[in-house]
């Protein structure tokens, strides 16, 4: 369902960003950026 899909991806993006202030290593930044952009790669075309 497209509404549930878009809402879920927004929530994923919010959750990933909420983790960024707590990173202590550079590799953690890379992992979180990949996760964030994975959600955006789904959200933007669907929107």
ModelCIF file with pLDDT and N, C-alpha, C, O atoms, coordinates in Angstrom:
data_MODEL
#
_entry.id   MODEL 
#
_entity.id                         1 
_entity.type                       polymer 
_entity.pdbx_number_of_molecules   1 
#
_entity_poly.entity_id                      1 
_entity_poly.type                           'polypeptide(L)' 
_entity_poly.nstd_linkage                   no 
_entity_poly.nstd_monomer                   no 
_entity_poly.pdbx_seq_one_letter_code       
;(UNK)(UNK)(UNK)(UNK)(UNK)(UNK)(UNK)(UNK)(UNK)(UNK)(UNK)(UNK)(UNK)(UNK)(UNK)(UNK)
(UNK)(UNK)(UNK)(UNK)(UNK)(UNK)(UNK)(UNK)(UNK)(UNK)(UNK)(UNK)(UNK)(UNK)(UNK)(UNK)
(UNK)(UNK)(UNK)(UNK)(UNK)(UNK)(UNK)(UNK)(UNK)(UNK)(UNK)(UNK)(UNK)(UNK)(UNK)
;
_entity_poly.pdbx_seq_one_letter_code_can   XXXXXXXXXXXXXXXXXXXXXXXXXXXXXXXXXXXXXXXXXXXXXXX 
_entity_poly.pdbx_strand_id                 A 
#
loop_
_entity_poly_seq.entity_id 
_entity_poly_seq.num 
_entity_poly_seq.mon_id 
_entity_poly_seq.hetero 
1 1  UNK n 
1 2  UNK n 
1 3  UNK n 
1 4  UNK n 
1 5  UNK n 
1 6  UNK n 
1 7  UNK n 
1 8  UNK n 
1 9  UNK n 
1 10 UNK n 
1 11 UNK n 
1 12 UNK n 
1 13 UNK n 
1 14 UNK n 
1 15 UNK n 
1 16 UNK n 
1 17 UNK n 
1 18 UNK n 
1 19 UNK n 
1 20 UNK n 
1 21 UNK n 
1 22 UNK n 
1 23 UNK n 
1 24 UNK n 
1 25 UNK n 
1 26 UNK n 
1 27 UNK n 
1 28 UNK n 
1 29 UNK n 
1 30 UNK n 
1 31 UNK n 
1 32 UNK n 
1 33 UNK n 
1 34 UNK n 
1 35 UNK n 
1 36 UNK n 
1 37 UNK n 
1 38 UNK n 
1 39 UNK n 
1 40 UNK n 
1 41 UNK n 
1 42 UNK n 
1 43 UNK n 
1 44 UNK n 
1 45 UNK n 
1 46 UNK n 
1 47 UNK n 
#
_struct_asym.id          A 
_struct_asym.entity_id   1 
#
loop_
_ma_qa_metric.id 
_ma_qa_metric.mode 
_ma_qa_metric.name 
_ma_qa_metric.software_group_id 
_ma_qa_metric.type 
1 global pLDDT . pLDDT 
2 local  pLDDT . pLDDT 
#
_ma_qa_metric_global.metric_id      1 
_ma_qa_metric_global.metric_value   91.34 
_ma_qa_metric_global.model_id       1 
_ma_qa_metric_global.ordinal_id     1 
#
loop_
_ma_qa_metric_local.label_asym_id 
_ma_qa_metric_local.label_comp_id 
_ma_qa_metric_local.label_seq_id 
_ma_qa_metric_local.metric_id 
_ma_qa_metric_local.metric_value 
_ma_qa_metric_local.model_id 
_ma_qa_metric_local.ordinal_id 
A UNK 1  2 88.00 1 1  
A UNK 2  2 86.00 1 2  
A UNK 3  2 92.00 1 3  
A UNK 4  2 92.00 1 4  
A UNK 5  2 93.00 1 5  
A UNK 6  2 94.00 1 6  
A UNK 7  2 96.00 1 7  
A UNK 8  2 95.00 1 8  
A UNK 9  2 94.00 1 9  
A UNK 10 2 95.00 1 10 
A UNK 11 2 97.00 1 11 
A UNK 12 2 96.00 1 12 
A UNK 13 2 95.00 1 13 
A UNK 14 2 96.00 1 14 
A UNK 15 2 96.00 1 15 
A UNK 16 2 95.00 1 16 
A UNK 17 2 94.00 1 17 
A UNK 18 2 95.00 1 18 
A UNK 19 2 95.00 1 19 
A UNK 20 2 92.00 1 20 
A UNK 21 2 91.00 1 21 
A UNK 22 2 92.00 1 22 
A UNK 23 2 90.00 1 23 
A UNK 24 2 89.00 1 24 
A UNK 25 2 90.00 1 25 
A UNK 26 2 87.00 1 26 
A UNK 27 2 91.00 1 27 
A UNK 28 2 92.00 1 28 
A UNK 29 2 88.00 1 29 
A UNK 30 2 89.00 1 30 
A UNK 31 2 93.00 1 31 
A UNK 32 2 93.00 1 32 
A UNK 33 2 89.00 1 33 
A UNK 34 2 92.00 1 34 
A UNK 35 2 93.00 1 35 
A UNK 36 2 92.00 1 36 
A UNK 37 2 87.00 1 37 
A UNK 38 2 90.00 1 38 
A UNK 39 2 91.00 1 39 
A UNK 40 2 89.00 1 40 
A UNK 41 2 85.00 1 41 
A UNK 42 2 88.00 1 42 
A UNK 43 2 90.00 1 43 
A UNK 44 2 86.00 1 44 
A UNK 45 2 85.00 1 45 
A UNK 46 2 86.00 1 46 
A UNK 47 2 89.00 1 47 
#
loop_
_atom_site.group_PDB 
_atom_site.id 
_atom_site.type_symbol 
_atom_site.label_atom_id 
_atom_site.label_alt_id 
_atom_site.label_comp_id 
_atom_site.label_asym_id 
_atom_site.label_entity_id 
_atom_site.label_seq_id 
_atom_site.pdbx_PDB_ins_code 
_atom_site.Cartn_x 
_atom_site.Cartn_y 
_atom_site.Cartn_z 
_atom_site.occupancy 
_atom_site.B_iso_or_equiv 
_atom_site.pdbx_formal_charge 
_atom_site.auth_seq_id 
_atom_site.auth_comp_id 
_atom_site.auth_asym_id 
_atom_site.auth_atom_id 
_atom_site.pdbx_PDB_model_num 
ATOM 1   N N  . UNK A 1 1  ? 0.845  -1.208 0.000  1.00 88.00 ? 1  UNK A N  1 
ATOM 2   C CA . UNK A 1 1  ? 0.000  0.000  0.000  1.00 88.00 ? 1  UNK A CA 1 
ATOM 3   C C  . UNK A 1 1  ? 0.871  1.246  0.000  1.00 88.00 ? 1  UNK A C  1 
ATOM 4   O O  . UNK A 1 1  ? 1.778  1.370  0.822  1.00 88.00 ? 1  UNK A O  1 
ATOM 5   N N  . UNK A 1 2  ? 0.599  2.175  -0.923 1.00 86.00 ? 2  UNK A N  1 
ATOM 6   C CA . UNK A 1 2  ? 1.538  3.271  -1.120 1.00 86.00 ? 2  UNK A CA 1 
ATOM 7   C C  . UNK A 1 2  ? 1.605  4.212  0.088  1.00 86.00 ? 2  UNK A C  1 
ATOM 8   O O  . UNK A 1 2  ? 2.692  4.683  0.422  1.00 86.00 ? 2  UNK A O  1 
ATOM 9   N N  . UNK A 1 3  ? 0.475  4.502  0.754  1.00 92.00 ? 3  UNK A N  1 
ATOM 10  C CA . UNK A 1 3  ? 0.541  5.390  1.918  1.00 92.00 ? 3  UNK A CA 1 
ATOM 11  C C  . UNK A 1 3  ? 1.362  4.754  3.036  1.00 92.00 ? 3  UNK A C  1 
ATOM 12  O O  . UNK A 1 3  ? 2.223  5.407  3.626  1.00 92.00 ? 3  UNK A O  1 
ATOM 13  N N  . UNK A 1 4  ? 1.098  3.480  3.328  1.00 92.00 ? 4  UNK A N  1 
ATOM 14  C CA . UNK A 1 4  ? 1.849  2.797  4.380  1.00 92.00 ? 4  UNK A CA 1 
ATOM 15  C C  . UNK A 1 4  ? 3.339  2.727  4.033  1.00 92.00 ? 4  UNK A C  1 
ATOM 16  O O  . UNK A 1 4  ? 4.193  2.850  4.911  1.00 92.00 ? 4  UNK A O  1 
ATOM 17  N N  . UNK A 1 5  ? 3.642  2.529  2.753  1.00 93.00 ? 5  UNK A N  1 
ATOM 18  C CA . UNK A 1 5  ? 5.025  2.456  2.299  1.00 93.00 ? 5  UNK A CA 1 
ATOM 19  C C  . UNK A 1 5  ? 5.751  3.776  2.550  1.00 93.00 ? 5  UNK A C  1 
ATOM 20  O O  . UNK A 1 5  ? 6.863  3.784  3.079  1.00 93.00 ? 5  UNK A O  1 
ATOM 21  N N  . UNK A 1 6  ? 5.122  4.894  2.170  1.00 94.00 ? 6  UNK A N  1 
ATOM 22  C CA . UNK A 1 6  ? 5.747  6.205  2.350  1.00 94.00 ? 6  UNK A CA 1 
ATOM 23  C C  . UNK A 1 6  ? 5.899  6.550  3.834  1.00 94.00 ? 6  UNK A C  1 
ATOM 24  O O  . UNK A 1 6  ? 6.943  7.050  4.253  1.00 94.00 ? 6  UNK A O  1 
ATOM 25  N N  . UNK A 1 7  ? 4.870  6.287  4.617  1.00 96.00 ? 7  UNK A N  1 
ATOM 26  C CA . UNK A 1 7  ? 4.940  6.578  6.051  1.00 96.00 ? 7  UNK A CA 1 
ATOM 27  C C  . UNK A 1 7  ? 6.033  5.748  6.715  1.00 96.00 ? 7  UNK A C  1 
ATOM 28  O O  . UNK A 1 7  ? 6.799  6.263  7.529  1.00 96.00 ? 7  UNK A O  1 
ATOM 29  N N  . UNK A 1 8  ? 6.107  4.464  6.367  1.00 95.00 ? 8  UNK A N  1 
ATOM 30  C CA . UNK A 1 8  ? 7.117  3.589  6.957  1.00 95.00 ? 8  UNK A CA 1 
ATOM 31  C C  . UNK A 1 8  ? 8.533  4.078  6.641  1.00 95.00 ? 8  UNK A C  1 
ATOM 32  O O  . UNK A 1 8  ? 9.404  4.051  7.510  1.00 95.00 ? 8  UNK A O  1 
ATOM 33  N N  . UNK A 1 9  ? 8.763  4.520  5.413  1.00 94.00 ? 9  UNK A N  1 
ATOM 34  C CA . UNK A 1 9  ? 10.091 4.998  5.040  1.00 94.00 ? 9  UNK A CA 1 
ATOM 35  C C  . UNK A 1 9  ? 10.440 6.299  5.756  1.00 94.00 ? 9  UNK A C  1 
ATOM 36  O O  . UNK A 1 9  ? 11.597 6.510  6.119  1.00 94.00 ? 9  UNK A O  1 
ATOM 37  N N  . UNK A 1 10 ? 9.453  7.175  5.963  1.00 95.00 ? 10 UNK A N  1 
ATOM 38  C CA . UNK A 1 10 ? 9.701  8.382  6.755  1.00 95.00 ? 10 UNK A CA 1 
ATOM 39  C C  . UNK A 1 10 ? 10.098 8.015  8.192  1.00 95.00 ? 10 UNK A C  1 
ATOM 40  O O  . UNK A 1 10 ? 10.998 8.625  8.769  1.00 95.00 ? 10 UNK A O  1 
ATOM 41  N N  . UNK A 1 11 ? 9.423  7.024  8.755  1.00 97.00 ? 11 UNK A N  1 
ATOM 42  C CA . UNK A 1 11 ? 9.745  6.600  10.120 1.00 97.00 ? 11 UNK A CA 1 
ATOM 43  C C  . UNK A 1 11 ? 11.142 5.967  10.184 1.00 97.00 ? 11 UNK A C  1 
ATOM 44  O O  . UNK A 1 11 ? 11.880 6.177  11.146 1.00 97.00 ? 11 UNK A O  1 
ATOM 45  N N  . UNK A 1 12 ? 11.492 5.199  9.160  1.00 96.00 ? 12 UNK A N  1 
ATOM 46  C CA . UNK A 1 12 ? 12.841 4.630  9.107  1.00 96.00 ? 12 UNK A CA 1 
ATOM 47  C C  . UNK A 1 12 ? 13.879 5.746  9.050  1.00 96.00 ? 12 UNK A C  1 
ATOM 48  O O  . UNK A 1 12 ? 14.887 5.705  9.755  1.00 96.00 ? 12 UNK A O  1 
ATOM 49  N N  . UNK A 1 13 ? 13.619 6.750  8.199  1.00 95.00 ? 13 UNK A N  1 
ATOM 50  C CA . UNK A 1 13 ? 14.563 7.868  8.076  1.00 95.00 ? 13 UNK A CA 1 
ATOM 51  C C  . UNK A 1 13 ? 14.705 8.598  9.412  1.00 95.00 ? 13 UNK A C  1 
ATOM 52  O O  . UNK A 1 13 ? 15.813 8.962  9.806  1.00 95.00 ? 13 UNK A O  1 
ATOM 53  N N  . UNK A 1 14 ? 13.601 8.810  10.099 1.00 96.00 ? 14 UNK A N  1 
ATOM 54  C CA . UNK A 1 14 ? 13.655 9.459  11.409 1.00 96.00 ? 14 UNK A CA 1 
ATOM 55  C C  . UNK A 1 14 ? 14.470 8.633  12.393 1.00 96.00 ? 14 UNK A C  1 
ATOM 56  O O  . UNK A 1 14 ? 15.279 9.185  13.140 1.00 96.00 ? 14 UNK A O  1 
ATOM 57  N N  . UNK A 1 15 ? 14.269 7.316  12.405 1.00 96.00 ? 15 UNK A N  1 
ATOM 58  C CA . UNK A 1 15 ? 14.999 6.453  13.316 1.00 96.00 ? 15 UNK A CA 1 
ATOM 59  C C  . UNK A 1 15 ? 16.497 6.441  13.058 1.00 96.00 ? 15 UNK A C  1 
ATOM 60  O O  . UNK A 1 15 ? 17.294 6.449  13.996 1.00 96.00 ? 15 UNK A O  1 
ATOM 61  N N  . UNK A 1 16 ? 16.884 6.421  11.764 1.00 95.00 ? 16 UNK A N  1 
ATOM 62  C CA . UNK A 1 16 ? 18.304 6.415  11.421 1.00 95.00 ? 16 UNK A CA 1 
ATOM 63  C C  . UNK A 1 16 ? 18.972 7.715  11.860 1.00 95.00 ? 16 UNK A C  1 
ATOM 64  O O  . UNK A 1 16 ? 20.045 7.694  12.463 1.00 95.00 ? 16 UNK A O  1 
ATOM 65  N N  . UNK A 1 17 ? 18.336 8.838  11.558 1.00 94.00 ? 17 UNK A N  1 
ATOM 66  C CA . UNK A 1 17 ? 18.918 10.137 11.930 1.00 94.00 ? 17 UNK A CA 1 
ATOM 67  C C  . UNK A 1 17 ? 19.030 10.270 13.439 1.00 94.00 ? 17 UNK A C  1 
ATOM 68  O O  . UNK A 1 17 ? 19.980 10.869 13.944 1.00 94.00 ? 17 UNK A O  1 
ATOM 69  N N  . UNK A 1 18 ? 18.062 9.710  14.164 1.00 95.00 ? 18 UNK A N  1 
ATOM 70  C CA . UNK A 1 18 ? 18.102 9.779  15.632 1.00 95.00 ? 18 UNK A CA 1 
ATOM 71  C C  . UNK A 1 18 ? 19.341 9.090  16.206 1.00 95.00 ? 18 UNK A C  1 
ATOM 72  O O  . UNK A 1 18 ? 19.750 9.384  17.330 1.00 95.00 ? 18 UNK A O  1 
ATOM 73  N N  . UNK A 1 19 ? 19.942 8.172  15.437 1.00 95.00 ? 19 UNK A N  1 
ATOM 74  C CA . UNK A 1 19 ? 21.146 7.471  15.896 1.00 95.00 ? 19 UNK A CA 1 
ATOM 75  C C  . UNK A 1 19 ? 22.423 8.279  15.661 1.00 95.00 ? 19 UNK A C  1 
ATOM 76  O O  . UNK A 1 19 ? 23.429 8.041  16.330 1.00 95.00 ? 19 UNK A O  1 
ATOM 77  N N  . UNK A 1 20 ? 22.401 9.222  14.732 1.00 92.00 ? 20 UNK A N  1 
ATOM 78  C CA . UNK A 1 20 ? 23.628 9.914  14.334 1.00 92.00 ? 20 UNK A CA 1 
ATOM 79  C C  . UNK A 1 20 ? 24.315 10.681 15.469 1.00 92.00 ? 20 UNK A C  1 
ATOM 80  O O  . UNK A 1 20 ? 25.545 10.660 15.528 1.00 92.00 ? 20 UNK A O  1 
ATOM 81  N N  . UNK A 1 21 ? 23.600 11.352 16.369 1.00 91.00 ? 21 UNK A N  1 
ATOM 82  C CA . UNK A 1 21 ? 24.318 12.080 17.429 1.00 91.00 ? 21 UNK A CA 1 
ATOM 83  C C  . UNK A 1 21 ? 25.129 11.182 18.360 1.00 91.00 ? 21 UNK A C  1 
ATOM 84  O O  . UNK A 1 21 ? 25.980 11.665 19.107 1.00 91.00 ? 21 UNK A O  1 
ATOM 85  N N  . UNK A 1 22 ? 24.865 9.880  18.315 1.00 92.00 ? 22 UNK A N  1 
ATOM 86  C CA . UNK A 1 22 ? 25.497 8.983  19.277 1.00 92.00 ? 22 UNK A CA 1 
ATOM 87  C C  . UNK A 1 22 ? 26.664 8.184  18.682 1.00 92.00 ? 22 UNK A C  1 
ATOM 88  O O  . UNK A 1 22 ? 27.236 7.341  19.373 1.00 92.00 ? 22 UNK A O  1 
ATOM 89  N N  . UNK A 1 23 ? 27.027 8.428  17.427 1.00 90.00 ? 23 UNK A N  1 
ATOM 90  C CA . UNK A 1 23 ? 28.108 7.666  16.819 1.00 90.00 ? 23 UNK A CA 1 
ATOM 91  C C  . UNK A 1 23 ? 29.448 8.101  17.403 1.00 90.00 ? 23 UNK A C  1 
ATOM 92  O O  . UNK A 1 23 ? 29.642 9.257  17.779 1.00 90.00 ? 23 UNK A O  1 
ATOM 93  N N  . UNK A 1 24 ? 30.356 7.146  17.468 1.00 89.00 ? 24 UNK A N  1 
ATOM 94  C CA . UNK A 1 24 ? 31.698 7.421  17.994 1.00 89.00 ? 24 UNK A CA 1 
ATOM 95  C C  . UNK A 1 24 ? 32.796 7.028  17.021 1.00 89.00 ? 24 UNK A C  1 
ATOM 96  O O  . UNK A 1 24 ? 33.967 7.323  17.258 1.00 89.00 ? 24 UNK A O  1 
ATOM 97  N N  . UNK A 1 25 ? 32.428 6.361  15.920 1.00 90.00 ? 25 UNK A N  1 
ATOM 98  C CA . UNK A 1 25 ? 33.395 5.905  14.938 1.00 90.00 ? 25 UNK A CA 1 
ATOM 99  C C  . UNK A 1 25 ? 32.952 6.327  13.538 1.00 90.00 ? 25 UNK A C  1 
ATOM 100 O O  . UNK A 1 25 ? 31.757 6.446  13.268 1.00 90.00 ? 25 UNK A O  1 
ATOM 101 N N  . UNK A 1 26 ? 33.912 6.549  12.660 1.00 87.00 ? 26 UNK A N  1 
ATOM 102 C CA . UNK A 1 26 ? 33.598 7.011  11.301 1.00 87.00 ? 26 UNK A CA 1 
ATOM 103 C C  . UNK A 1 26 ? 32.799 5.956  10.542 1.00 87.00 ? 26 UNK A C  1 
ATOM 104 O O  . UNK A 1 26 ? 31.884 6.305  9.796  1.00 87.00 ? 26 UNK A O  1 
ATOM 105 N N  . UNK A 1 27 ? 33.123 4.674  10.715 1.00 91.00 ? 27 UNK A N  1 
ATOM 106 C CA . UNK A 1 27 ? 32.408 3.629  9.990  1.00 91.00 ? 27 UNK A CA 1 
ATOM 107 C C  . UNK A 1 27 ? 30.924 3.618  10.332 1.00 91.00 ? 27 UNK A C  1 
ATOM 108 O O  . UNK A 1 27 ? 30.091 3.253  9.503  1.00 91.00 ? 27 UNK A O  1 
ATOM 109 N N  . UNK A 1 28 ? 30.598 4.020  11.555 1.00 92.00 ? 28 UNK A N  1 
ATOM 110 C CA . UNK A 1 28 ? 29.199 4.086  11.939 1.00 92.00 ? 28 UNK A CA 1 
ATOM 111 C C  . UNK A 1 28 ? 28.449 5.147  11.115 1.00 92.00 ? 28 UNK A C  1 
ATOM 112 O O  . UNK A 1 28 ? 27.286 4.963  10.755 1.00 92.00 ? 28 UNK A O  1 
ATOM 113 N N  . UNK A 1 29 ? 29.131 6.245  10.830 1.00 88.00 ? 29 UNK A N  1 
ATOM 114 C CA . UNK A 1 29 ? 28.545 7.272  9.961  1.00 88.00 ? 29 UNK A CA 1 
ATOM 115 C C  . UNK A 1 29 ? 28.216 6.681  8.599  1.00 88.00 ? 29 UNK A C  1 
ATOM 116 O O  . UNK A 1 29 ? 27.128 6.905  8.069  1.00 88.00 ? 29 UNK A O  1 
ATOM 117 N N  . UNK A 1 30 ? 29.144 5.932  8.035  1.00 89.00 ? 30 UNK A N  1 
ATOM 118 C CA . UNK A 1 30 ? 28.940 5.357  6.710  1.00 89.00 ? 30 UNK A CA 1 
ATOM 119 C C  . UNK A 1 30 ? 27.752 4.392  6.696  1.00 89.00 ? 30 UNK A C  1 
ATOM 120 O O  . UNK A 1 30 ? 26.942 4.412  5.770  1.00 89.00 ? 30 UNK A O  1 
ATOM 121 N N  . UNK A 1 31 ? 27.653 3.555  7.719  1.00 93.00 ? 31 UNK A N  1 
ATOM 122 C CA . UNK A 1 31 ? 26.547 2.603  7.795  1.00 93.00 ? 31 UNK A CA 1 
ATOM 123 C C  . UNK A 1 31 ? 25.205 3.331  7.884  1.00 93.00 ? 31 UNK A C  1 
ATOM 124 O O  . UNK A 1 31 ? 24.252 2.983  7.188  1.00 93.00 ? 31 UNK A O  1 
ATOM 125 N N  . UNK A 1 32 ? 25.145 4.338  8.743  1.00 93.00 ? 32 UNK A N  1 
ATOM 126 C CA . UNK A 1 32 ? 23.888 5.061  8.922  1.00 93.00 ? 32 UNK A CA 1 
ATOM 127 C C  . UNK A 1 32 ? 23.519 5.870  7.686  1.00 93.00 ? 32 UNK A C  1 
ATOM 128 O O  . UNK A 1 32 ? 22.339 5.959  7.348  1.00 93.00 ? 32 UNK A O  1 
ATOM 129 N N  . UNK A 1 33 ? 24.493 6.460  7.002  1.00 89.00 ? 33 UNK A N  1 
ATOM 130 C CA . UNK A 1 33 ? 24.211 7.206  5.776  1.00 89.00 ? 33 UNK A CA 1 
ATOM 131 C C  . UNK A 1 33 ? 23.671 6.272  4.699  1.00 89.00 ? 33 UNK A C  1 
ATOM 132 O O  . UNK A 1 33 ? 22.751 6.633  3.966  1.00 89.00 ? 33 UNK A O  1 
ATOM 133 N N  . UNK A 1 34 ? 24.242 5.069  4.602  1.00 92.00 ? 34 UNK A N  1 
ATOM 134 C CA . UNK A 1 34 ? 23.732 4.100  3.628  1.00 92.00 ? 34 UNK A CA 1 
ATOM 135 C C  . UNK A 1 34 ? 22.288 3.728  3.962  1.00 92.00 ? 34 UNK A C  1 
ATOM 136 O O  . UNK A 1 34 ? 21.446 3.665  3.066  1.00 92.00 ? 34 UNK A O  1 
ATOM 137 N N  . UNK A 1 35 ? 21.994 3.482  5.239  1.00 93.00 ? 35 UNK A N  1 
ATOM 138 C CA . UNK A 1 35 ? 20.629 3.128  5.639  1.00 93.00 ? 35 UNK A CA 1 
ATOM 139 C C  . UNK A 1 35 ? 19.661 4.272  5.360  1.00 93.00 ? 35 UNK A C  1 
ATOM 140 O O  . UNK A 1 35 ? 18.549 4.054  4.878  1.00 93.00 ? 35 UNK A O  1 
ATOM 141 N N  . UNK A 1 36 ? 20.098 5.499  5.668  1.00 92.00 ? 36 UNK A N  1 
ATOM 142 C CA . UNK A 1 36 ? 19.257 6.668  5.429  1.00 92.00 ? 36 UNK A CA 1 
ATOM 143 C C  . UNK A 1 36 ? 18.952 6.825  3.944  1.00 92.00 ? 36 UNK A C  1 
ATOM 144 O O  . UNK A 1 36 ? 17.808 7.069  3.561  1.00 92.00 ? 36 UNK A O  1 
ATOM 145 N N  . UNK A 1 37 ? 19.976 6.683  3.114  1.00 87.00 ? 37 UNK A N  1 
ATOM 146 C CA . UNK A 1 37 ? 19.762 6.873  1.688  1.00 87.00 ? 37 UNK A CA 1 
ATOM 147 C C  . UNK A 1 37 ? 19.011 5.713  1.060  1.00 87.00 ? 37 UNK A C  1 
ATOM 148 O O  . UNK A 1 37 ? 18.321 5.893  0.057  1.00 87.00 ? 37 UNK A O  1 
ATOM 149 N N  . UNK A 1 38 ? 19.135 4.522  1.638  1.00 90.00 ? 38 UNK A N  1 
ATOM 150 C CA . UNK A 1 38 ? 18.339 3.395  1.160  1.00 90.00 ? 38 UNK A CA 1 
ATOM 151 C C  . UNK A 1 38 ? 16.850 3.699  1.318  1.00 90.00 ? 38 UNK A C  1 
ATOM 152 O O  . UNK A 1 38 ? 16.053 3.418  0.423  1.00 90.00 ? 38 UNK A O  1 
ATOM 153 N N  . UNK A 1 39 ? 16.482 4.277  2.466  1.00 91.00 ? 39 UNK A N  1 
ATOM 154 C CA . UNK A 1 39 ? 15.087 4.663  2.679  1.00 91.00 ? 39 UNK A CA 1 
ATOM 155 C C  . UNK A 1 39 ? 14.672 5.785  1.728  1.00 91.00 ? 39 UNK A C  1 
ATOM 156 O O  . UNK A 1 39 ? 13.564 5.764  1.191  1.00 91.00 ? 39 UNK A O  1 
ATOM 157 N N  . UNK A 1 40 ? 15.550 6.762  1.518  1.00 89.00 ? 40 UNK A N  1 
ATOM 158 C CA . UNK A 1 40 ? 15.239 7.865  0.605  1.00 89.00 ? 40 UNK A CA 1 
ATOM 159 C C  . UNK A 1 40 ? 15.135 7.389  -0.838 1.00 89.00 ? 40 UNK A C  1 
ATOM 160 O O  . UNK A 1 40 ? 14.332 7.915  -1.609 1.00 89.00 ? 40 UNK A O  1 
ATOM 161 N N  . UNK A 1 41 ? 15.950 6.386  -1.214 1.00 85.00 ? 41 UNK A N  1 
ATOM 162 C CA . UNK A 1 41 ? 15.897 5.841  -2.566 1.00 85.00 ? 41 UNK A CA 1 
ATOM 163 C C  . UNK A 1 41 ? 14.561 5.160  -2.837 1.00 85.00 ? 41 UNK A C  1 
ATOM 164 O O  . UNK A 1 41 ? 14.135 5.055  -3.988 1.00 85.00 ? 41 UNK A O  1 
ATOM 165 N N  . UNK A 1 42 ? 13.906 4.701  -1.788 1.00 88.00 ? 42 UNK A N  1 
ATOM 166 C CA . UNK A 1 42 ? 12.564 4.160  -1.940 1.00 88.00 ? 42 UNK A CA 1 
ATOM 167 C C  . UNK A 1 42 ? 11.496 5.232  -1.877 1.00 88.00 ? 42 UNK A C  1 
ATOM 168 O O  . UNK A 1 42 ? 10.516 5.187  -2.620 1.00 88.00 ? 42 UNK A O  1 
ATOM 169 N N  . UNK A 1 43 ? 11.686 6.200  -0.983 1.00 90.00 ? 43 UNK A N  1 
ATOM 170 C CA . UNK A 1 43 ? 10.670 7.219  -0.760 1.00 90.00 ? 43 UNK A CA 1 
ATOM 171 C C  . UNK A 1 43 ? 10.514 8.156  -1.956 1.00 90.00 ? 43 UNK A C  1 
ATOM 172 O O  . UNK A 1 43 ? 9.394  8.403  -2.405 1.00 90.00 ? 43 UNK A O  1 
ATOM 173 N N  . UNK A 1 44 ? 11.625 8.679  -2.475 1.00 86.00 ? 44 UNK A N  1 
ATOM 174 C CA . UNK A 1 44 ? 11.543 9.738  -3.483 1.00 86.00 ? 44 UNK A CA 1 
ATOM 175 C C  . UNK A 1 44 ? 10.811 9.309  -4.749 1.00 86.00 ? 44 UNK A C  1 
ATOM 176 O O  . UNK A 1 44 ? 9.881  10.005 -5.155 1.00 86.00 ? 44 UNK A O  1 
ATOM 177 N N  . UNK A 1 45 ? 11.181 8.188  -5.405 1.00 85.00 ? 45 UNK A N  1 
ATOM 178 C CA . UNK A 1 45 ? 10.425 7.804  -6.603 1.00 85.00 ? 45 UNK A CA 1 
ATOM 179 C C  . UNK A 1 45 ? 8.964  7.489  -6.321 1.00 85.00 ? 45 UNK A C  1 
ATOM 180 O O  . UNK A 1 45 ? 8.096  7.817  -7.128 1.00 85.00 ? 45 UNK A O  1 
ATOM 181 N N  . UNK A 1 46 ? 8.678  6.851  -5.178 1.00 86.00 ? 46 UNK A N  1 
ATOM 182 C CA . UNK A 1 46 ? 7.289  6.540  -4.833 1.00 86.00 ? 46 UNK A CA 1 
ATOM 183 C C  . UNK A 1 46 ? 6.480  7.814  -4.635 1.00 86.00 ? 46 UNK A C  1 
ATOM 184 O O  . UNK A 1 46 ? 5.337  7.897  -5.083 1.00 86.00 ? 46 UNK A O  1 
ATOM 185 N N  . UNK A 1 47 ? 7.058  8.800  -3.972 1.00 89.00 ? 47 UNK A N  1 
ATOM 186 C CA . UNK A 1 47 ? 6.400  10.093 -3.782 1.00 89.00 ? 47 UNK A CA 1 
ATOM 187 C C  . UNK A 1 47 ? 6.152  10.762 -5.130 1.00 89.00 ? 47 UNK A C  1 
ATOM 188 O O  . UNK A 1 47 ? 5.606  11.864 -5.181 1.00 89.00 ? 47 UNK A O  1 
#
